[in-house]
Protein backbone atom coordinates (compact mmCIF):
# COMPACT_ATOMS: atom_id res chain seq x y z
CA MET A 1 73.24 106.02 153.92
CA GLU A 2 73.89 105.82 157.61
CA VAL A 3 74.48 107.95 160.69
CA GLY A 4 78.01 109.38 160.76
CA GLN A 5 78.51 109.03 156.99
CA LYS A 6 79.84 112.00 155.02
CA VAL A 7 77.71 113.06 152.07
CA VAL A 8 77.86 115.74 149.37
CA CYS A 9 74.82 117.79 148.39
CA VAL A 10 74.16 117.36 144.66
CA ASP A 11 70.81 119.16 144.47
CA ASP A 12 70.04 122.40 146.30
CA ASN A 13 67.17 123.47 144.06
CA PHE A 14 64.27 123.66 146.53
CA PRO A 15 60.65 124.60 145.83
CA LYS A 16 59.64 127.99 147.23
CA ALA A 17 57.32 126.27 149.72
CA VAL A 18 60.30 124.46 151.25
CA ILE A 19 62.43 127.60 151.42
CA LEU A 20 59.68 129.29 153.44
CA LEU A 21 59.43 126.40 155.95
CA TYR A 22 63.14 125.82 156.61
CA LYS A 23 65.72 128.01 158.28
CA SER A 24 68.81 125.97 157.21
CA LEU A 25 69.23 124.46 153.75
CA PRO A 26 72.15 122.46 152.33
CA LYS A 27 74.25 123.95 149.53
CA LYS A 28 75.32 122.06 146.41
CA GLY A 29 78.91 120.82 146.59
CA GLN A 30 79.12 121.11 150.39
CA ILE A 31 80.02 118.13 152.56
CA TYR A 32 77.75 117.18 155.46
CA VAL A 33 77.66 114.46 158.12
CA ILE A 34 74.43 112.51 158.65
CA ARG A 35 73.10 112.73 162.22
CA ASP A 36 70.00 110.59 161.57
CA VAL A 37 68.15 108.73 158.81
CA VAL A 38 64.38 108.40 159.10
CA LEU A 39 61.35 107.58 157.02
CA GLY A 40 59.57 110.88 156.49
CA VAL A 41 57.28 112.79 154.18
CA ASN A 42 58.09 114.87 151.13
CA TRP A 43 57.40 118.61 150.86
CA LYS A 44 53.85 117.77 149.71
CA SER A 45 53.31 115.78 152.96
CA GLU A 46 53.28 112.45 151.10
CA PRO A 47 54.77 109.62 153.23
CA GLY A 48 57.61 107.29 152.29
CA GLU A 49 60.59 109.56 151.64
CA VAL A 50 63.98 108.63 153.12
CA CYS A 51 64.88 111.72 155.10
CA LEU A 52 68.29 112.85 156.34
CA TYR A 53 69.08 115.06 159.30
CA LEU A 54 72.50 116.68 158.98
CA ILE A 55 74.93 117.87 161.62
CA GLY A 56 74.93 121.66 161.64
CA LEU A 57 71.58 122.06 159.89
CA ASN A 58 68.67 122.24 162.32
CA ASN A 59 65.18 123.13 161.20
CA PRO A 60 61.75 123.78 162.70
CA LYS A 61 59.54 120.86 163.55
CA SER A 62 56.59 119.83 161.40
CA THR A 63 53.13 120.98 162.46
CA THR A 64 51.84 117.43 161.88
CA PRO A 65 52.05 114.80 164.67
CA PRO A 66 54.43 113.36 165.76
CA TYR A 67 56.05 116.74 164.94
CA PRO A 68 59.40 115.59 163.52
CA GLU A 69 62.09 118.05 162.55
CA ARG A 70 62.01 118.91 158.86
CA GLY A 71 64.81 117.01 157.09
CA PHE A 72 66.10 116.51 153.56
CA ASN A 73 65.37 113.94 150.89
CA ALA A 74 68.28 111.48 150.74
CA GLU A 75 68.20 111.69 146.93
CA ARG A 76 69.70 115.19 147.20
CA PHE A 77 72.98 113.69 148.47
CA ARG A 78 75.69 111.26 147.41
CA PRO A 79 78.20 109.51 149.66
CA LEU A 80 81.48 111.44 149.73
CA GLU A 81 83.48 108.37 148.64
CA GLU A 82 81.22 107.88 145.61
CA MET A 83 81.81 111.49 144.55
CA LYS A 84 85.60 111.13 144.99
CA GLN A 85 85.63 107.98 142.83
CA LYS A 86 83.57 109.68 140.12
CA ARG A 87 85.90 112.70 140.07
CA GLU A 88 89.01 110.48 139.89
CA ALA A 89 87.52 108.50 136.98
CA GLU A 90 86.73 111.73 135.11
CA GLU A 91 90.28 112.99 135.70
CA GLU A 92 91.72 109.75 134.32
CA ILE A 93 89.57 110.05 131.18
CA HIS A 94 90.64 113.64 130.57
CA ALA A 95 94.31 112.87 131.28
CA GLY A 96 94.31 110.36 128.42
CA PHE A 97 93.55 113.08 125.85
């Protein structure tokens, strides 16, 4: 995933702890544009998670130095083109029956 790429949220099931820390959360099925990709920490503060920042969703900064904005795990998203191809393949399968 890269800056400027369109992605679709495929998982908007967040732990309660995350819901309390964020002010803007992505919604399943919605399309977003990536504004940055960084190496971050997960909601348990464990390092190594690929984190996305999305245009239109801005969140509070972490309380841990270097105080990055709270982002979203890249695994919660799929590239828009990948989702279109999957949907077209499913439609072709169903059209044959």
